[in-house]
Amino acid sequence: MYFLLIGIVVLTLKYLEIGPVATLSWWIVLLPFALAVAWWAWADASGYTKQKEIDKMAKRKQHRIDKQRDAMGMRLKKRK
């Protein structure tokens, strides 16, 4: 996501010819987009994206369980 945001900013600066970015080669300006594609390909192929989704769902499930236990007065007190 960060690569995409950086790419959009640099592309806008290049197009509007603002600052030192105006003198950069187009290959350098488009590099963040290629890095974003590479990152997404790696994240999907390695299972990183799926694992983050599973962790998020587990955290939401545990929060829901804790909230229900609190509502019923069954919340376990932590041992010291």
N, C-alpha and C. Protein backbone atom coordinates (compact mmCIF):
# COMPACT_ATOMS: atom_id res chain seq x y z
N MET A 1 0.82 -1.19 0.00
CA MET A 1 0.00 0.00 0.00
C MET A 1 0.87 1.26 0.00
N TYR A 2 1.94 1.22 0.77
CA TYR A 2 2.81 2.38 0.83
C TYR A 2 3.49 2.63 -0.52
N PHE A 3 3.87 1.55 -1.20
CA PHE A 3 4.48 1.71 -2.51
C PHE A 3 3.51 2.40 -3.47
N LEU A 4 2.26 2.04 -3.39
CA LEU A 4 1.25 2.62 -4.27
C LEU A 4 1.08 4.11 -3.97
N LEU A 5 1.00 4.47 -2.71
CA LEU A 5 0.87 5.89 -2.34
C LEU A 5 2.09 6.69 -2.77
N ILE A 6 3.27 6.14 -2.55
CA ILE A 6 4.50 6.82 -2.98
C ILE A 6 4.50 6.98 -4.49
N GLY A 7 4.09 5.95 -5.20
CA GLY A 7 4.04 6.00 -6.66
C GLY A 7 3.10 7.08 -7.16
N ILE A 8 1.94 7.20 -6.54
CA ILE A 8 0.97 8.22 -6.96
C ILE A 8 1.52 9.62 -6.72
N VAL A 9 2.15 9.82 -5.57
CA VAL A 9 2.72 11.14 -5.27
C VAL A 9 3.84 11.49 -6.25
N VAL A 10 4.75 10.55 -6.47
CA VAL A 10 5.87 10.81 -7.37
C VAL A 10 5.37 11.00 -8.80
N LEU A 11 4.40 10.23 -9.22
CA LEU A 11 3.84 10.37 -10.56
C LEU A 11 3.19 11.74 -10.74
N THR A 12 2.46 12.19 -9.72
CA THR A 12 1.84 13.51 -9.78
C THR A 12 2.89 14.61 -9.86
N LEU A 13 3.93 14.49 -9.03
CA LEU A 13 5.01 15.49 -9.07
C LEU A 13 5.71 15.50 -10.42
N LYS A 14 5.93 14.36 -11.00
CA LYS A 14 6.57 14.26 -12.32
C LYS A 14 5.68 14.87 -13.39
N TYR A 15 4.40 14.55 -13.35
CA TYR A 15 3.47 15.06 -14.36
C TYR A 15 3.35 16.59 -14.29
N LEU A 16 3.31 17.11 -13.07
CA LEU A 16 3.19 18.56 -12.89
C LEU A 16 4.53 19.28 -12.95
N GLU A 17 5.61 18.50 -13.11
CA GLU A 17 6.97 19.03 -13.19
C GLU A 17 7.31 19.91 -11.99
N ILE A 18 7.14 19.34 -10.81
CA ILE A 18 7.40 20.06 -9.56
C ILE A 18 8.68 19.52 -8.93
N GLY A 19 9.55 20.41 -8.54
CA GLY A 19 10.76 20.06 -7.80
C GLY A 19 11.72 19.18 -8.57
N PRO A 20 12.60 18.50 -7.82
CA PRO A 20 13.62 17.66 -8.47
C PRO A 20 13.05 16.41 -9.12
N VAL A 21 11.83 16.07 -8.82
CA VAL A 21 11.21 14.89 -9.41
C VAL A 21 11.02 15.09 -10.92
N ALA A 22 10.88 16.33 -11.34
CA ALA A 22 10.67 16.63 -12.76
C ALA A 22 11.84 16.16 -13.62
N THR A 23 13.03 16.07 -13.05
CA THR A 23 14.21 15.67 -13.82
C THR A 23 14.48 14.16 -13.76
N LEU A 24 13.72 13.44 -12.95
CA LEU A 24 13.92 12.01 -12.83
C LEU A 24 13.45 11.28 -14.09
N SER A 25 14.05 10.14 -14.32
CA SER A 25 13.63 9.29 -15.44
C SER A 25 12.27 8.68 -15.13
N TRP A 26 11.50 8.38 -16.18
CA TRP A 26 10.20 7.77 -16.00
C TRP A 26 10.32 6.39 -15.37
N TRP A 27 11.43 5.70 -15.61
CA TRP A 27 11.63 4.37 -15.01
C TRP A 27 11.68 4.47 -13.50
N ILE A 28 12.32 5.49 -13.00
CA ILE A 28 12.41 5.68 -11.55
C ILE A 28 11.05 6.08 -10.98
N VAL A 29 10.33 6.88 -11.73
CA VAL A 29 9.02 7.34 -11.28
C VAL A 29 8.03 6.16 -11.21
N LEU A 30 8.13 5.23 -12.14
CA LEU A 30 7.21 4.10 -12.18
C LEU A 30 7.65 2.92 -11.32
N LEU A 31 8.86 2.97 -10.77
CA LEU A 31 9.39 1.89 -9.96
C LEU A 31 8.51 1.54 -8.75
N PRO A 32 7.96 2.50 -8.00
CA PRO A 32 7.10 2.12 -6.86
C PRO A 32 5.89 1.27 -7.26
N PHE A 33 5.36 1.48 -8.46
CA PHE A 33 4.23 0.66 -8.90
C PHE A 33 4.67 -0.78 -9.14
N ALA A 34 5.85 -0.96 -9.71
CA ALA A 34 6.38 -2.31 -9.92
C ALA A 34 6.66 -2.99 -8.58
N LEU A 35 7.17 -2.23 -7.62
CA LEU A 35 7.41 -2.79 -6.29
C LEU A 35 6.10 -3.17 -5.60
N ALA A 36 5.05 -2.38 -5.81
CA ALA A 36 3.75 -2.71 -5.23
C ALA A 36 3.21 -4.02 -5.82
N VAL A 37 3.36 -4.19 -7.12
CA VAL A 37 2.91 -5.43 -7.76
C VAL A 37 3.71 -6.62 -7.23
N ALA A 38 5.02 -6.43 -7.09
CA ALA A 38 5.87 -7.51 -6.57
C ALA A 38 5.49 -7.86 -5.12
N TRP A 39 5.22 -6.85 -4.32
CA TRP A 39 4.83 -7.08 -2.92
C TRP A 39 3.52 -7.86 -2.86
N TRP A 40 2.52 -7.44 -3.64
CA TRP A 40 1.23 -8.13 -3.61
C TRP A 40 1.35 -9.56 -4.12
N ALA A 41 2.17 -9.76 -5.12
CA ALA A 41 2.37 -11.12 -5.64
C ALA A 41 3.01 -12.00 -4.57
N TRP A 42 4.03 -11.47 -3.90
CA TRP A 42 4.70 -12.24 -2.83
C TRP A 42 3.74 -12.50 -1.67
N ALA A 43 2.99 -11.48 -1.26
CA ALA A 43 2.09 -11.62 -0.12
C ALA A 43 1.02 -12.67 -0.39
N ASP A 44 0.49 -12.70 -1.59
CA ASP A 44 -0.52 -13.69 -1.93
C ASP A 44 0.08 -15.09 -2.07
N ALA A 45 1.25 -15.17 -2.68
CA ALA A 45 1.87 -16.48 -2.90
C ALA A 45 2.37 -17.11 -1.60
N SER A 46 2.84 -16.31 -0.68
CA SER A 46 3.41 -16.84 0.56
C SER A 46 2.36 -17.12 1.63
N GLY A 47 1.15 -16.62 1.45
CA GLY A 47 0.11 -16.82 2.45
C GLY A 47 0.08 -15.73 3.50
N TYR A 48 0.89 -14.71 3.34
CA TYR A 48 0.95 -13.60 4.30
C TYR A 48 -0.42 -12.92 4.43
N THR A 49 -1.05 -12.65 3.31
CA THR A 49 -2.35 -11.97 3.31
C THR A 49 -3.40 -12.82 4.02
N LYS A 50 -3.42 -14.09 3.71
CA LYS A 50 -4.41 -14.99 4.32
C LYS A 50 -4.19 -15.11 5.83
N GLN A 51 -2.93 -15.19 6.26
CA GLN A 51 -2.63 -15.30 7.68
C GLN A 51 -3.07 -14.04 8.43
N LYS A 52 -2.85 -12.87 7.84
CA LYS A 52 -3.29 -11.62 8.47
C LYS A 52 -4.81 -11.60 8.61
N GLU A 53 -5.51 -12.10 7.60
CA GLU A 53 -6.96 -12.15 7.65
C GLU A 53 -7.43 -13.11 8.75
N ILE A 54 -6.79 -14.26 8.87
CA ILE A 54 -7.14 -15.24 9.90
C ILE A 54 -6.88 -14.66 11.29
N ASP A 55 -5.75 -13.97 11.48
CA ASP A 55 -5.45 -13.35 12.77
C ASP A 55 -6.49 -12.30 13.13
N LYS A 56 -6.89 -11.51 12.16
CA LYS A 56 -7.89 -10.46 12.39
C LYS A 56 -9.22 -11.08 12.80
N MET A 57 -9.62 -12.15 12.13
CA MET A 57 -10.87 -12.81 12.46
C MET A 57 -10.81 -13.46 13.85
N ALA A 58 -9.68 -14.04 14.20
CA ALA A 58 -9.52 -14.65 15.52
C ALA A 58 -9.59 -13.60 16.63
N LYS A 59 -9.00 -12.45 16.37
CA LYS A 59 -9.04 -11.37 17.36
C LYS A 59 -10.47 -10.86 17.54
N ARG A 60 -11.21 -10.71 16.44
CA ARG A 60 -12.61 -10.28 16.52
C ARG A 60 -13.46 -11.31 17.26
N LYS A 61 -13.20 -12.60 17.00
CA LYS A 61 -13.95 -13.66 17.67
C LYS A 61 -13.69 -13.65 19.17
N GLN A 62 -12.42 -13.51 19.56
CA GLN A 62 -12.08 -13.49 20.98
C GLN A 62 -12.67 -12.26 21.67
N HIS A 63 -12.67 -11.12 20.97
CA HIS A 63 -13.28 -9.91 21.53
C HIS A 63 -14.78 -10.12 21.76
N ARG A 64 -15.44 -10.77 20.80
CA ARG A 64 -16.87 -11.04 20.91
C ARG A 64 -17.15 -12.00 22.09
N ILE A 65 -16.32 -13.02 22.24
CA ILE A 65 -16.48 -13.97 23.34
C ILE A 65 -16.28 -13.27 24.68
N ASP A 66 -15.23 -12.45 24.77
CA ASP A 66 -14.96 -11.72 26.02
C ASP A 66 -16.11 -10.77 26.36
N LYS A 67 -16.66 -10.12 25.34
CA LYS A 67 -17.77 -9.20 25.56
C LYS A 67 -18.99 -9.93 26.09
N GLN A 68 -19.28 -11.11 25.54
CA GLN A 68 -20.42 -11.90 26.00
C GLN A 68 -20.20 -12.40 27.43
N ARG A 69 -18.98 -12.81 27.73
CA ARG A 69 -18.68 -13.27 29.10
C ARG A 69 -18.83 -12.13 30.10
N ASP A 70 -18.40 -10.94 29.73
CA ASP A 70 -18.56 -9.78 30.60
C ASP A 70 -20.04 -9.50 30.84
N ALA A 71 -20.83 -9.60 29.79
CA ALA A 71 -22.26 -9.33 29.91
C ALA A 71 -22.95 -10.33 30.83
N MET A 72 -22.47 -11.57 30.86
CA MET A 72 -23.07 -12.60 31.72
C MET A 72 -22.41 -12.64 33.09
N GLY A 73 -21.37 -11.85 33.30
CA GLY A 73 -20.69 -11.83 34.59
C GLY A 73 -19.80 -13.03 34.80
N MET A 74 -19.35 -13.64 33.73
CA MET A 74 -18.54 -14.85 33.82
C MET A 74 -17.06 -14.59 33.51
N ARG A 75 -16.69 -13.37 33.45
CA ARG A 75 -15.31 -13.02 33.08
C ARG A 75 -14.34 -13.60 34.10
N LEU A 76 -13.37 -14.36 33.62
CA LEU A 76 -12.37 -14.96 34.51
C LEU A 76 -11.38 -13.89 34.93
N LYS A 77 -11.07 -13.89 36.21
CA LYS A 77 -10.07 -12.94 36.68
C LYS A 77 -8.70 -13.50 36.43
N LYS A 78 -7.79 -12.64 36.04
CA LYS A 78 -6.43 -13.07 35.75
C LYS A 78 -5.69 -13.40 37.05
N ARG A 79 -4.94 -14.47 37.01
CA ARG A 79 -4.15 -14.87 38.17
C ARG A 79 -2.89 -14.03 38.24
N LYS A 80 -2.47 -13.79 39.46
CA LYS A 80 -1.25 -13.00 39.64
C LYS A 80 -0.07 -13.89 39.88
